[in-house]
N, C-alpha and C. Protein backbone atom coordinates (compact mmCIF):
# COMPACT_ATOMS: atom_id res chain seq x y z
N UNK A 1 0.69 -1.16 0.12
CA UNK A 1 -0.01 0.08 0.04
C UNK A 1 0.78 1.17 0.02
N UNK A 2 0.32 2.30 -0.51
CA UNK A 2 1.33 3.55 -0.84
C UNK A 2 0.21 4.38 0.03
N UNK A 3 1.00 5.44 0.74
CA UNK A 3 0.34 6.59 1.30
C UNK A 3 1.41 8.01 1.05
N UNK A 4 0.97 8.89 1.68
CA UNK A 4 1.60 10.22 1.37
C UNK A 4 3.12 10.16 1.81
N UNK A 5 3.23 9.07 2.75
CA UNK A 5 4.60 9.00 3.35
C UNK A 5 5.24 8.06 2.55
N UNK A 6 4.84 7.25 1.89
CA UNK A 6 5.41 6.06 0.90
C UNK A 6 5.01 4.78 1.22
N UNK A 7 5.38 3.84 1.03
CA UNK A 7 5.09 2.39 1.17
C UNK A 7 4.97 1.98 2.68
N UNK A 8 3.95 1.18 3.26
CA UNK A 8 4.06 0.74 4.42
C UNK A 8 4.41 -0.76 4.58
N UNK A 9 4.99 -1.02 5.63
CA UNK A 9 5.23 -2.36 5.94
C UNK A 9 3.94 -3.18 6.48
N UNK A 10 3.13 -4.02 5.83
CA UNK A 10 1.95 -4.81 6.27
C UNK A 10 2.39 -5.34 7.59
N UNK A 11 1.48 -5.20 8.72
CA UNK A 11 1.65 -5.75 10.10
C UNK A 11 2.11 -7.09 10.03
N UNK A 12 1.69 -8.08 9.19
CA UNK A 12 2.07 -9.34 9.12
C UNK A 12 3.52 -9.50 8.67
N UNK A 13 4.24 -8.58 8.02
CA UNK A 13 5.32 -8.47 7.44
C UNK A 13 6.45 -7.89 8.51
N UNK A 14 5.93 -7.26 9.64
CA UNK A 14 6.87 -6.79 10.53
C UNK A 14 7.77 -7.73 11.25
N UNK A 15 9.01 -7.43 11.15
CA UNK A 15 9.86 -8.47 11.95
C UNK A 15 10.73 -7.86 13.07
N UNK A 16 10.52 -6.55 13.29
CA UNK A 16 11.35 -5.87 14.51
C UNK A 16 10.48 -5.27 15.46
N UNK A 17 10.85 -5.15 16.57
CA UNK A 17 9.94 -4.40 17.65
C UNK A 17 9.65 -2.93 17.49
N UNK A 18 10.61 -2.26 17.27
CA UNK A 18 10.56 -0.88 16.74
C UNK A 18 10.17 -0.28 15.40
N UNK A 19 8.95 0.17 15.41
CA UNK A 19 8.38 0.64 14.04
C UNK A 19 9.49 1.55 13.39
N UNK A 20 9.96 2.31 14.24
CA UNK A 20 10.87 3.45 13.59
C UNK A 20 12.18 2.97 13.02
N UNK A 21 12.27 1.63 13.15
CA UNK A 21 13.54 1.04 12.54
C UNK A 21 13.19 0.38 11.24
N UNK A 22 11.88 0.41 10.93
CA UNK A 22 11.45 -0.22 9.78
C UNK A 22 10.92 0.77 8.86
N UNK A 23 10.82 2.14 9.23
CA UNK A 23 10.22 2.93 8.22
C UNK A 23 11.10 4.39 8.19
N UNK A 24 11.08 4.84 6.98
CA UNK A 24 11.97 6.11 6.98
C UNK A 24 11.48 7.19 7.84
N UNK A 25 12.21 8.20 7.88
CA UNK A 25 12.00 9.36 8.94
C UNK A 25 10.67 10.12 8.50
N UNK A 26 10.14 9.96 7.11
CA UNK A 26 8.85 10.67 6.73
C UNK A 26 7.81 9.90 7.59
N UNK A 27 7.88 8.85 8.08
CA UNK A 27 6.75 8.20 8.70
C UNK A 27 6.55 8.44 10.55
N UNK A 28 7.67 9.32 10.83
CA UNK A 28 7.65 9.62 12.10
C UNK A 28 6.27 10.09 12.66
N UNK A 29 5.61 11.02 12.16
CA UNK A 29 4.43 11.73 12.68
C UNK A 29 3.35 10.50 12.63
N UNK A 30 3.15 9.75 11.46
CA UNK A 30 2.30 8.65 11.49
C UNK A 30 2.41 7.87 12.60
N UNK A 31 3.74 7.20 12.84
CA UNK A 31 3.97 6.37 13.74
C UNK A 31 3.60 7.09 15.36
N UNK A 32 3.88 8.20 15.69
CA UNK A 32 3.50 8.80 16.74
C UNK A 32 2.10 8.92 16.89
N UNK A 33 1.24 9.04 15.78
CA UNK A 33 -0.06 9.16 15.95
C UNK A 33 -0.67 7.57 16.61
N UNK A 34 -0.13 6.66 15.73
CA UNK A 34 -0.55 5.26 16.11
C UNK A 34 -0.01 4.69 17.44
N UNK A 35 1.09 5.23 18.06
CA UNK A 35 1.56 4.89 19.16
C UNK A 35 0.74 5.50 20.43
N UNK A 36 0.07 6.87 20.27
CA UNK A 36 -0.61 7.50 20.93
C UNK A 36 -2.08 7.17 20.99
N UNK A 37 -2.48 6.19 19.86
CA UNK A 37 -4.01 5.97 19.93
C UNK A 37 -4.59 4.92 21.20
N UNK A 38 -5.74 4.89 21.39
CA UNK A 38 -6.11 4.12 22.27
C UNK A 38 -5.83 2.62 22.18
N UNK A 39 -5.86 1.93 21.21
CA UNK A 39 -5.42 0.43 21.12
C UNK A 39 -5.71 -0.20 22.43
N UNK A 40 -5.33 -1.50 22.28
CA UNK A 40 -5.21 -2.47 23.48
C UNK A 40 -6.77 -2.63 23.70
N UNK A 41 -7.63 -3.21 22.69
CA UNK A 41 -8.98 -3.15 22.89
C UNK A 41 -9.00 -4.23 24.09
N UNK A 42 -9.95 -3.88 25.20
CA UNK A 42 -10.42 -4.89 26.28
C UNK A 42 -9.23 -4.97 27.28
N UNK A 43 -8.03 -4.06 27.24
CA UNK A 43 -7.10 -4.15 28.24
C UNK A 43 -7.58 -3.65 29.53
N UNK A 44 -8.38 -2.40 29.40
CA UNK A 44 -8.77 -1.86 30.67
C UNK A 44 -9.79 -2.71 31.27
N UNK A 45 -10.67 -3.27 30.73
CA UNK A 45 -11.62 -4.21 31.36
C UNK A 45 -10.79 -5.52 32.11
N UNK A 46 -9.92 -6.11 31.17
CA UNK A 46 -8.92 -7.30 31.71
C UNK A 46 -8.31 -6.72 33.07
N UNK A 47 -7.80 -5.49 33.22
CA UNK A 47 -6.97 -4.95 34.24
C UNK A 47 -7.97 -5.06 35.45
N UNK A 48 -9.10 -4.60 35.21
CA UNK A 48 -9.93 -4.20 36.26
C UNK A 48 -10.58 -5.80 36.90
N UNK A 49 -10.60 -6.77 35.90
CA UNK A 49 -11.02 -8.11 36.27
C UNK A 49 -9.69 -8.59 37.33
N UNK A 50 -8.64 -8.45 36.65
CA UNK A 50 -7.46 -9.06 37.52
C UNK A 50 -7.57 -8.44 38.90
N UNK A 51 -7.74 -7.14 39.18
CA UNK A 51 -7.70 -6.66 40.43
C UNK A 51 -8.88 -7.35 41.28
N UNK A 52 -10.11 -7.36 40.49
CA UNK A 52 -11.19 -8.01 41.07
C UNK A 52 -11.15 -9.51 41.71
N UNK A 53 -10.19 -10.04 40.93
CA UNK A 53 -9.93 -11.43 41.31
C UNK A 53 -8.63 -11.67 42.34
N UNK A 54 -8.31 -10.63 42.79
CA UNK A 54 -7.39 -10.48 43.93
C UNK A 54 -5.80 -10.40 43.57
N UNK A 55 -5.43 -10.07 42.24
CA UNK A 55 -4.39 -10.01 41.76
C UNK A 55 -3.82 -8.75 42.05
N UNK A 56 -2.63 -8.51 42.34
CA UNK A 56 -1.66 -7.27 42.59
C UNK A 56 -1.24 -6.99 41.20
N UNK A 57 -1.65 -5.81 40.41
CA UNK A 57 -1.31 -5.65 38.96
C UNK A 57 -0.64 -4.25 38.91
N UNK A 58 0.37 -4.38 38.33
CA UNK A 58 1.36 -3.25 37.84
C UNK A 58 1.35 -3.06 36.30
N UNK A 59 1.49 -1.73 35.96
CA UNK A 59 1.85 -1.62 34.41
C UNK A 59 3.29 -1.12 34.56
N UNK A 60 4.07 -2.07 33.71
CA UNK A 60 5.50 -1.77 33.62
C UNK A 60 5.79 -1.41 32.23
N UNK A 61 6.50 -0.30 31.98
CA UNK A 61 6.85 0.26 30.57
C UNK A 61 8.38 0.84 30.53
N UNK A 62 8.74 0.81 29.42
CA UNK A 62 10.01 1.03 29.04
C UNK A 62 10.10 2.36 28.33
N UNK A 63 10.87 3.66 28.84
CA UNK A 63 10.91 4.56 28.10
C UNK A 63 11.77 4.45 26.97
N UNK A 64 11.47 5.21 25.97
CA UNK A 64 12.35 5.29 24.80
C UNK A 64 13.66 6.34 25.20
N UNK A 65 14.72 5.68 25.14
CA UNK A 65 16.04 6.42 25.69
C UNK A 65 16.38 7.55 24.60
N UNK A 66 16.45 8.51 24.94
CA UNK A 66 16.64 9.75 24.18
C UNK A 66 15.57 10.66 23.84
N UNK A 67 14.26 10.16 24.29
CA UNK A 67 13.32 10.90 24.25
C UNK A 67 12.99 11.68 25.62
N UNK A 68 13.02 12.91 25.40
CA UNK A 68 13.02 14.00 26.58
C UNK A 68 11.42 13.70 27.25
N UNK A 69 10.56 13.43 26.70
CA UNK A 69 9.11 13.75 27.11
C UNK A 69 8.53 12.26 27.18
N UNK A 70 9.18 11.35 26.85
CA UNK A 70 8.60 9.89 26.88
C UNK A 70 7.94 9.61 28.17
N UNK A 71 8.55 9.59 29.34
CA UNK A 71 7.89 8.98 30.55
C UNK A 71 6.60 9.80 30.82
N UNK A 72 6.62 11.22 30.76
CA UNK A 72 5.38 12.06 30.75
C UNK A 72 4.28 11.62 29.83
N UNK A 73 4.73 11.52 28.61
CA UNK A 73 3.72 10.99 27.45
C UNK A 73 2.91 9.67 27.90
N UNK A 74 3.97 8.79 28.31
CA UNK A 74 3.24 7.42 28.89
C UNK A 74 2.34 7.57 29.86
N UNK A 75 2.68 8.44 30.81
CA UNK A 75 1.80 8.54 31.98
C UNK A 75 0.53 9.49 31.52
N UNK A 76 0.76 10.17 30.54
CA UNK A 76 -0.57 10.80 30.20
C UNK A 76 -1.32 9.90 29.29
N UNK A 77 -1.05 9.08 28.56
CA UNK A 77 -1.57 8.05 27.96
C UNK A 77 -2.43 7.07 29.14
N UNK A 78 -1.68 6.74 29.85
CA UNK A 78 -2.31 5.72 30.89
C UNK A 78 -3.52 6.54 31.47
N UNK A 79 -3.24 7.81 31.88
CA UNK A 79 -4.33 8.31 32.43
C UNK A 79 -5.53 8.62 31.87
N UNK A 80 -5.39 9.02 30.39
CA UNK A 80 -6.37 9.24 29.46
C UNK A 80 -7.09 8.06 28.92
N UNK A 81 -6.17 6.82 28.81
CA UNK A 81 -6.98 5.47 28.28
C UNK A 81 -7.47 4.56 29.51
N UNK A 82 -6.63 4.76 30.65
CA UNK A 82 -7.06 3.66 31.53
C UNK A 82 -7.59 4.32 33.03
N UNK A 83 -7.15 5.65 33.15
CA UNK A 83 -7.88 6.39 34.19
C UNK A 83 -6.67 6.71 35.16
N UNK A 84 -7.02 7.59 35.91
CA UNK A 84 -5.91 8.29 36.87
C UNK A 84 -5.43 7.13 38.01
N UNK A 85 -6.23 6.41 38.39
CA UNK A 85 -6.05 5.23 39.48
C UNK A 85 -5.00 4.47 38.74
N UNK A 86 -4.70 4.32 37.56
CA UNK A 86 -3.60 3.46 37.18
C UNK A 86 -2.09 4.04 37.07
N UNK A 87 -2.07 5.38 37.57
CA UNK A 87 -1.00 6.00 37.49
C UNK A 87 0.06 5.56 38.89
N UNK A 88 -0.66 5.35 39.76
CA UNK A 88 0.13 4.91 40.86
C UNK A 88 0.85 3.47 40.73
N UNK A 89 0.24 2.47 40.12
CA UNK A 89 0.82 1.24 40.13
C UNK A 89 1.61 1.21 38.78
N UNK A 90 2.23 2.43 38.14
CA UNK A 90 2.81 2.28 36.99
C UNK A 90 4.39 2.39 37.16
N UNK A 91 4.97 1.43 36.65
CA UNK A 91 6.63 1.48 36.60
C UNK A 91 6.98 1.87 35.28
N UNK A 92 8.04 2.79 35.51
CA UNK A 92 8.70 3.03 34.20
C UNK A 92 10.12 2.93 34.30
N UNK A 93 10.57 1.87 33.71
CA UNK A 93 12.11 1.51 33.81
C UNK A 93 12.43 0.99 32.64
N UNK A 94 13.90 1.32 32.47
CA UNK A 94 14.44 0.53 31.13
C UNK A 94 14.90 -0.74 31.37
N UNK A 95 14.75 -1.33 32.67
CA UNK A 95 15.31 -2.68 32.99
C UNK A 95 14.05 -3.32 33.80
N UNK A 96 13.26 -4.28 32.76
CA UNK A 96 12.08 -4.93 33.41
C UNK A 96 12.35 -6.08 34.08
N UNK A 97 13.64 -6.46 34.20
CA UNK A 97 14.18 -7.72 34.97
C UNK A 97 14.28 -7.63 36.53
N UNK A 98 14.05 -6.25 36.90
CA UNK A 98 14.17 -5.97 38.24
C UNK A 98 12.74 -5.82 38.84
N UNK A 99 12.34 -6.74 39.61
CA UNK A 99 11.25 -6.52 40.22
C UNK A 99 10.83 -7.66 41.50
N UNK A 100 9.57 -7.54 41.74
CA UNK A 100 9.21 -8.61 42.94
C UNK A 100 9.58 -9.90 42.91
N UNK A 101 10.37 -10.30 43.73
CA UNK A 101 11.05 -11.77 43.71
C UNK A 101 10.39 -12.71 44.82
N UNK A 102 9.22 -11.97 45.47
CA UNK A 102 8.71 -12.78 46.49
C UNK A 102 7.50 -13.60 46.27
N UNK A 103 6.84 -13.41 45.07
CA UNK A 103 5.43 -13.95 44.75
C UNK A 103 5.52 -14.48 43.40
N UNK A 104 4.54 -15.24 42.99
CA UNK A 104 4.34 -15.45 41.62
C UNK A 104 4.27 -14.14 40.45
N UNK A 105 4.82 -14.37 39.54
CA UNK A 105 4.67 -12.87 38.70
C UNK A 105 4.85 -13.30 37.21
N UNK A 106 4.09 -12.32 36.38
CA UNK A 106 3.95 -12.55 35.19
C UNK A 106 4.03 -11.32 34.50
N UNK A 107 5.00 -11.22 33.49
CA UNK A 107 5.06 -10.01 32.72
C UNK A 107 4.34 -10.39 31.18
N UNK A 108 3.58 -9.42 30.86
CA UNK A 108 2.76 -9.54 29.73
C UNK A 108 3.23 -8.40 28.90
N UNK A 109 4.07 -8.83 27.69
CA UNK A 109 4.72 -8.02 26.90
C UNK A 109 4.72 -8.46 25.54
N UNK A 110 4.81 -7.57 24.47
CA UNK A 110 4.81 -8.08 23.09
C UNK A 110 6.26 -8.19 22.54
N UNK A 111 7.19 -7.80 23.26
CA UNK A 111 8.66 -7.89 23.06
C UNK A 111 9.21 -9.22 23.50
N UNK A 112 9.70 -9.96 22.53
CA UNK A 112 10.43 -11.41 23.16
C UNK A 112 11.93 -10.90 23.52
N UNK A 113 12.54 -11.76 24.36
CA UNK A 113 13.75 -11.65 24.56
C UNK A 113 14.39 -10.29 25.44
N UNK A 114 13.45 -10.16 26.60
CA UNK A 114 13.79 -9.13 27.20
C UNK A 114 14.86 -9.57 28.29
N UNK A 115 15.84 -8.73 28.31
CA UNK A 115 16.90 -9.06 29.26
C UNK A 115 17.27 -8.01 30.12
N UNK A 116 18.23 -7.93 31.11
CA UNK A 116 18.41 -6.82 32.02
C UNK A 116 19.54 -7.28 32.91
N UNK A 117 19.77 -6.51 34.03
CA UNK A 117 20.73 -6.69 34.94
C UNK A 117 20.53 -7.76 35.85
N UNK A 118 19.31 -8.51 35.98
CA UNK A 118 18.85 -9.36 37.18
C UNK A 118 18.20 -10.78 36.23
N UNK A 119 18.04 -11.63 36.89
CA UNK A 119 17.59 -12.81 36.30
C UNK A 119 15.96 -12.51 36.57
N UNK A 120 15.09 -12.50 35.56
CA UNK A 120 13.67 -12.06 35.63
C UNK A 120 12.86 -13.04 36.47
N UNK A 121 12.42 -12.03 37.50
CA UNK A 121 11.50 -12.70 38.57
C UNK A 121 10.16 -13.28 38.06
N UNK A 122 9.87 -12.98 36.74
CA UNK A 122 8.69 -13.13 36.30
C UNK A 122 8.93 -14.20 35.22
N UNK A 123 7.69 -14.76 34.75
CA UNK A 123 7.62 -15.65 33.63
C UNK A 123 7.02 -14.58 32.18
N UNK A 124 7.53 -14.75 31.21
CA UNK A 124 7.00 -13.63 30.14
C UNK A 124 5.76 -14.50 29.48
N UNK A 125 4.83 -13.97 29.31
CA UNK A 125 3.54 -14.24 28.43
C UNK A 125 3.76 -13.26 27.35
N UNK A 126 3.87 -13.79 26.21
CA UNK A 126 3.91 -12.93 24.96
C UNK A 126 2.74 -12.46 24.48
N UNK A 127 2.36 -11.05 24.34
CA UNK A 127 1.14 -10.77 23.85
C UNK A 127 1.54 -10.74 22.27
N UNK A 128 0.73 -11.23 21.28
CA UNK A 128 0.97 -11.65 19.98
C UNK A 128 1.08 -10.75 19.15
N UNK A 129 2.26 -10.71 18.50
CA UNK A 129 2.66 -9.57 17.52
C UNK A 129 3.46 -10.12 16.41
N UNK A 130 3.26 -9.72 15.21
CA UNK A 130 3.92 -10.36 13.91
C UNK A 130 5.45 -10.53 14.26
N UNK A 131 6.02 -9.81 14.89
CA UNK A 131 7.67 -9.90 14.97
C UNK A 131 8.06 -11.06 16.31
N UNK A 132 6.89 -11.66 17.03
CA UNK A 132 7.21 -12.67 17.91
C UNK A 132 6.62 -13.79 17.75
N UNK A 133 6.24 -13.94 16.39
CA UNK A 133 5.67 -15.30 16.03
C UNK A 133 6.79 -16.52 16.01
N UNK A 134 6.58 -17.54 16.42
CA UNK A 134 7.52 -18.62 16.45
C UNK A 134 8.23 -18.70 17.80
N UNK A 135 8.00 -17.44 18.53
CA UNK A 135 8.76 -17.74 19.84
C UNK A 135 8.00 -18.62 20.81
N UNK A 136 8.91 -19.53 21.56
CA UNK A 136 8.18 -20.53 22.61
C UNK A 136 7.45 -19.66 23.94
N UNK A 137 6.62 -20.64 24.38
CA UNK A 137 6.12 -19.78 25.63
C UNK A 137 4.59 -19.52 25.70
N UNK A 138 3.78 -19.22 26.74
CA UNK A 138 2.34 -18.89 26.72
C UNK A 138 2.31 -17.57 26.10
N UNK A 139 1.20 -17.61 25.30
CA UNK A 139 0.96 -16.43 24.46
C UNK A 139 -0.53 -15.94 24.91
N UNK A 140 -0.70 -14.46 24.75
CA UNK A 140 -1.92 -13.87 24.99
C UNK A 140 -2.28 -13.18 23.69
N UNK A 141 -3.44 -13.63 22.99
CA UNK A 141 -3.79 -12.75 21.78
C UNK A 141 -4.82 -11.82 22.02
N UNK A 142 -5.51 -11.86 23.07
CA UNK A 142 -6.60 -10.98 23.39
C UNK A 142 -6.72 -10.83 25.00
N UNK A 143 -6.93 -9.58 25.40
CA UNK A 143 -7.06 -9.39 26.64
C UNK A 143 -8.33 -10.10 27.16
N UNK A 144 -9.24 -10.63 26.44
CA UNK A 144 -10.50 -11.23 26.92
C UNK A 144 -9.86 -12.49 27.41
N UNK A 145 -8.71 -13.00 26.99
CA UNK A 145 -8.28 -14.53 27.41
C UNK A 145 -7.37 -14.37 28.31
N UNK A 146 -7.36 -13.64 29.06
CA UNK A 146 -6.14 -13.28 30.19
C UNK A 146 -6.24 -14.53 31.25
N UNK A 147 -7.62 -14.94 31.78
CA UNK A 147 -7.59 -15.81 32.69
C UNK A 147 -7.16 -17.08 32.04
N UNK A 148 -7.41 -17.69 30.76
CA UNK A 148 -7.11 -18.94 30.31
C UNK A 148 -5.37 -18.90 29.98
N UNK A 149 -4.85 -17.88 29.98
CA UNK A 149 -3.39 -17.85 29.51
C UNK A 149 -2.63 -17.67 31.09
N UNK A 150 -2.98 -16.64 31.75
CA UNK A 150 -2.12 -16.00 32.70
C UNK A 150 -2.33 -17.12 34.16
N UNK A 151 -3.70 -17.42 34.36
CA UNK A 151 -4.08 -18.19 35.58
C UNK A 151 -3.20 -19.35 35.77
N UNK A 152 -2.92 -20.11 34.63
CA UNK A 152 -2.11 -21.59 34.68
C UNK A 152 -0.72 -21.17 34.88
N UNK A 153 -0.14 -20.07 34.51
CA UNK A 153 1.07 -19.88 34.51
C UNK A 153 1.62 -19.20 36.09
N UNK A 154 0.48 -18.65 36.62
CA UNK A 154 0.87 -18.25 38.03
C UNK A 154 0.50 -19.43 38.97
N UNK A 155 -0.29 -20.45 38.88
CA UNK A 155 -0.76 -21.54 39.30
C UNK A 155 0.74 -22.54 39.24
N UNK A 156 1.36 -22.60 38.17
CA UNK A 156 2.50 -23.29 37.91
C UNK A 156 3.52 -22.88 38.93
N UNK A 157 3.67 -21.36 38.89
CA UNK A 157 4.98 -20.89 39.67
C UNK A 157 4.45 -21.08 41.23
N UNK A 158 3.28 -21.37 41.55
CA UNK A 158 2.78 -21.32 43.01
C UNK A 158 3.20 -22.84 43.28
N UNK A 159 3.10 -23.83 42.32
CA UNK A 159 3.51 -25.22 42.70
C UNK A 159 5.03 -25.35 42.55
N UNK A 160 5.85 -24.31 42.15
CA UNK A 160 7.26 -24.46 41.88
C UNK A 160 7.78 -24.84 40.56
N UNK A 161 6.85 -24.77 39.72
CA UNK A 161 7.13 -25.34 38.20
C UNK A 161 6.87 -24.14 37.31
N UNK A 162 7.38 -24.42 36.01
CA UNK A 162 7.15 -23.22 35.27
C UNK A 162 6.55 -23.89 33.95
N UNK A 163 5.97 -22.90 33.25
CA UNK A 163 5.43 -23.20 31.83
C UNK A 163 6.58 -23.20 30.75
N UNK A 164 6.62 -23.93 29.73
CA UNK A 164 7.62 -23.75 28.86
C UNK A 164 7.73 -22.42 28.12
N UNK A 165 8.86 -21.82 27.86
CA UNK A 165 8.93 -20.60 27.27
C UNK A 165 10.00 -19.60 27.88
N UNK A 166 10.09 -18.41 27.32
CA UNK A 166 11.14 -17.65 27.84
C UNK A 166 10.96 -17.18 29.24
N UNK A 167 11.96 -17.23 30.09
CA UNK A 167 11.93 -16.87 31.46
C UNK A 167 13.32 -16.52 32.00
N UNK A 168 13.47 -17.21 32.98
CA UNK A 168 14.68 -17.09 33.94
C UNK A 168 15.92 -17.43 32.91
N UNK A 169 16.57 -16.74 32.12
CA UNK A 169 17.75 -17.26 31.12
C UNK A 169 19.08 -16.52 31.52
N UNK A 170 19.62 -16.87 32.44
CA UNK A 170 20.75 -16.12 32.98
C UNK A 170 21.96 -16.01 31.78
N UNK A 171 21.85 -16.75 30.81
CA UNK A 171 22.82 -16.97 29.54
C UNK A 171 22.70 -15.57 28.86
N UNK A 172 21.32 -15.13 29.12
CA UNK A 172 21.18 -13.87 28.04
C UNK A 172 21.43 -12.47 29.02
N UNK A 173 21.65 -12.62 30.14
CA UNK A 173 21.97 -11.46 30.71
C UNK A 173 23.41 -10.79 30.50
N UNK A 174 23.34 -9.58 30.43
CA UNK A 174 24.82 -8.87 30.07
C UNK A 174 25.81 -9.02 31.17
N UNK A 175 26.93 -9.10 30.58
CA UNK A 175 27.94 -9.61 31.33
C UNK A 175 28.49 -8.68 32.72
């Protein structure tokens, strides 16, 4: 497809996490509009259901390093789309591996291969994205399915076992 910015990469053909790496600079404004859109259909309802089921829920997001206003923009997005109450349980960090180590924990993220300074205390549940197809482990394709996917992962952690997939991989940690 062709737009005023040029050709776009169909979603099914995206192979990288960062959209900006797959498009020329002329697309920057279009990408910003998409990133700031509501998206995440059903996410707010799923988050509220998780709280209602007794789960402790945090939003964990990474800033775009080099973007002066990224953290503020992320908080503004959360307040606008999820509500002011979701600002307090929001964690903005460039290292998602540092976290609570005392209880079963799941990180739902669309980015595979998350590494950092610590062995992750969570099990990764991949939210479906074209660039993460073929990655092993539990997957979430819709927020409406959170109970079917996340509850078994948490139950396995409580039993002291894990579900197959990306998780505590010390070999991937930076040296």
